[in-house]
C-alpha atoms as a PDB file:
ATOM      1  CA  UNK A   1      23.363  18.275 -28.315  1.00  0.00           C
ATOM      2  CA  UNK A   2      19.634  18.997 -28.498  1.00  0.00           C
ATOM      3  CA  UNK A   3      17.787  19.197 -25.179  1.00  0.00           C
ATOM      4  CA  UNK A   4      13.971  19.430 -24.935  1.00  0.00           C
ATOM      5  CA  UNK A   5      12.378  20.908 -21.792  1.00  0.00           C
ATOM      6  CA  UNK A   6       8.923  21.986 -20.665  1.00  0.00           C
ATOM      7  CA  UNK A   7       8.269  25.680 -20.052  1.00  0.00           C
ATOM      8  CA  UNK A   8       5.147  27.168 -18.494  1.00  0.00           C
ATOM      9  CA  UNK A   9       3.053  29.606 -20.612  1.00  0.00           C
ATOM     10  CA  UNK A  10       4.059  32.820 -18.796  1.00  0.00           C
ATOM     11  CA  UNK A  11       7.758  32.042 -19.243  1.00  0.00           C
ATOM     12  CA  UNK A  12       7.250  30.860 -22.821  1.00  0.00           C
ATOM     13  CA  UNK A  13       5.578  34.191 -23.614  1.00  0.00           C
ATOM     14  CA  UNK A  14       8.415  36.195 -22.030  1.00  0.00           C
ATOM     15  CA  UNK A  15      10.984  34.239 -24.060  1.00  0.00           C
ATOM     16  CA  UNK A  16       8.930  34.623 -27.245  1.00  0.00           C
ATOM     17  CA  UNK A  17       8.738  38.408 -26.678  1.00  0.00           C
ATOM     18  CA  UNK A  18      12.497  38.605 -26.094  1.00  0.00           C
ATOM     19  CA  UNK A  19      12.140  39.682 -22.461  1.00  0.00           C
ATOM     20  CA  UNK A  20      13.595  36.493 -20.941  1.00  0.00           C
ATOM     21  CA  UNK A  21      16.942  35.251 -22.233  1.00  0.00           C
ATOM     22  CA  UNK A  22      17.855  32.732 -19.537  1.00  0.00           C
ATOM     23  CA  UNK A  23      16.589  29.557 -17.896  1.00  0.00           C
ATOM     24  CA  UNK A  24      16.972  28.407 -14.297  1.00  0.00           C
ATOM     25  CA  UNK A  25      16.735  24.639 -14.169  1.00  0.00           C
ATOM     26  CA  UNK A  26      17.372  21.815 -11.769  1.00  0.00           C
ATOM     27  CA  UNK A  27      20.824  20.483 -12.664  1.00  0.00           C
ATOM     28  CA  UNK A  28      19.542  16.965 -13.368  1.00  0.00           C
ATOM     29  CA  UNK A  29      20.698  16.921 -17.002  1.00  0.00           C
ATOM     30  CA  UNK A  30      23.902  17.771 -18.863  1.00  0.00           C
ATOM     31  CA  UNK A  31      23.939  21.130 -20.654  1.00  0.00           C
ATOM     32  CA  UNK A  32      26.825  23.149 -22.069  1.00  0.00           C
ATOM     33  CA  UNK A  33      27.533  26.157 -24.269  1.00  0.00           C
ATOM     34  CA  UNK A  34      26.682  25.458 -27.888  1.00  0.00           C
ATOM     35  CA  UNK A  35      23.859  23.021 -27.101  1.00  0.00           C
ATOM     36  CA  UNK A  36      20.375  23.623 -28.513  1.00  0.00           C
ATOM     37  CA  UNK A  37      17.545  24.068 -26.024  1.00  0.00           C
ATOM     38  CA  UNK A  38      14.082  23.206 -27.351  1.00  0.00           C
ATOM     39  CA  UNK A  39      11.543  24.831 -25.039  1.00  0.00           C
ATOM     40  CA  UNK A  40       8.090  23.283 -25.355  1.00  0.00           C
ATOM     41  CA  UNK A  41       5.171  25.209 -23.900  1.00  0.00           C
ATOM     42  CA  UNK A  42       3.506  23.132 -21.161  1.00  0.00           C
ATOM     43  CA  UNK A  43       0.201  24.015 -19.522  1.00  0.00           C
ATOM     44  CA  UNK A  44       0.423  22.932 -15.862  1.00  0.00           C
ATOM     45  CA  UNK A  45      -3.361  23.112 -15.452  1.00  0.00           C
ATOM     46  CA  UNK A  46      -4.184  20.716 -18.303  1.00  0.00           C
ATOM     47  CA  UNK A  47      -0.882  18.842 -17.916  1.00  0.00           C
ATOM     48  CA  UNK A  48      -0.445  18.914 -21.692  1.00  0.00           C
ATOM     49  CA  UNK A  49       1.843  20.511 -24.228  1.00  0.00           C
ATOM     50  CA  UNK A  50       0.238  23.379 -26.160  1.00  0.00           C
ATOM     51  CA  UNK A  51       2.054  22.496 -29.393  1.00  0.00           C
ATOM     52  CA  UNK A  52       4.201  25.640 -29.379  1.00  0.00           C
ATOM     53  CA  UNK A  53       7.961  25.462 -29.037  1.00  0.00           C
ATOM     54  CA  UNK A  54      10.985  27.736 -29.280  1.00  0.00           C
ATOM     55  CA  UNK A  55      14.521  26.652 -30.166  1.00  0.00           C
ATOM     56  CA  UNK A  56      17.371  28.574 -28.515  1.00  0.00           C
ATOM     57  CA  UNK A  57      21.137  28.230 -28.500  1.00  0.00           C
ATOM     58  CA  UNK A  58      22.801  27.810 -25.102  1.00  0.00           C
ATOM     59  CA  UNK A  59      25.332  30.633 -24.715  1.00  0.00           C
ATOM     60  CA  UNK A  60      26.275  30.316 -21.044  1.00  0.00           C
ATOM     61  CA  UNK A  61      25.831  27.854 -18.150  1.00  0.00           C
ATOM     62  CA  UNK A  62      26.601  28.409 -14.466  1.00  0.00           C
ATOM     63  CA  UNK A  63      25.804  26.093 -11.576  1.00  0.00           C
ATOM     64  CA  UNK A  64      24.908  26.755  -7.929  1.00  0.00           C
ATOM     65  CA  UNK A  65      23.106  25.276  -4.900  1.00  0.00           C
ATOM     66  CA  UNK A  66      21.902  28.559  -3.342  1.00  0.00           C
ATOM     67  CA  UNK A  67      18.299  28.803  -4.652  1.00  0.00           C
ATOM     68  CA  UNK A  68      15.194  27.305  -2.989  1.00  0.00           C
ATOM     69  CA  UNK A  69      12.635  26.600  -5.775  1.00  0.00           C
ATOM     70  CA  UNK A  70      12.996  22.838  -5.373  1.00  0.00           C
ATOM     71  CA  UNK A  71      13.110  20.463  -2.424  1.00  0.00           C
ATOM     72  CA  UNK A  72      16.265  20.392  -0.278  1.00  0.00           C
ATOM     73  CA  UNK A  73      16.779  16.752  -1.307  1.00  0.00           C
ATOM     74  CA  UNK A  74      16.759  17.599  -5.051  1.00  0.00           C
ATOM     75  CA  UNK A  75      18.967  20.649  -4.470  1.00  0.00           C
ATOM     76  CA  UNK A  76      21.490  18.554  -2.563  1.00  0.00           C
ATOM     77  CA  UNK A  77      21.365  15.804  -5.176  1.00  0.00           C
ATOM     78  CA  UNK A  78      21.555  17.962  -8.326  1.00  0.00           C
ATOM     79  CA  UNK A  79      22.255  21.637  -7.583  1.00  0.00           C
ATOM     80  CA  UNK A  80      21.128  24.226 -10.148  1.00  0.00           C
ATOM     81  CA  UNK A  81      22.078  25.600 -13.516  1.00  0.00           C
ATOM     82  CA  UNK A  82      21.358  28.993 -15.025  1.00  0.00           C
ATOM     83  CA  UNK A  83      21.222  28.751 -18.816  1.00  0.00           C
ATOM     84  CA  UNK A  84      21.780  31.844 -20.965  1.00  0.00           C
ATOM     85  CA  UNK A  85      19.935  31.592 -24.289  1.00  0.00           C
ATOM     86  CA  UNK A  86      19.979  33.472 -27.609  1.00  0.00           C
END
């Protein structure tokens, strides 16, 4: 399955440079090993895509509810997933 997601410029850059090989995402979509993650650079200030994207293969997925980036309601509803990428 191909999955497209927004990624902010600083994280896009780290992935592009090979420094970041994982994603932490709200678990509000299905994702499994072998899927293709299409990361599209999104500028939160302009609220627009920059036109750059990176395609990565999902190599590992784990799920948890012990992180506090999102609201308690969303965490309780969805939980989290950590996505290893290559």
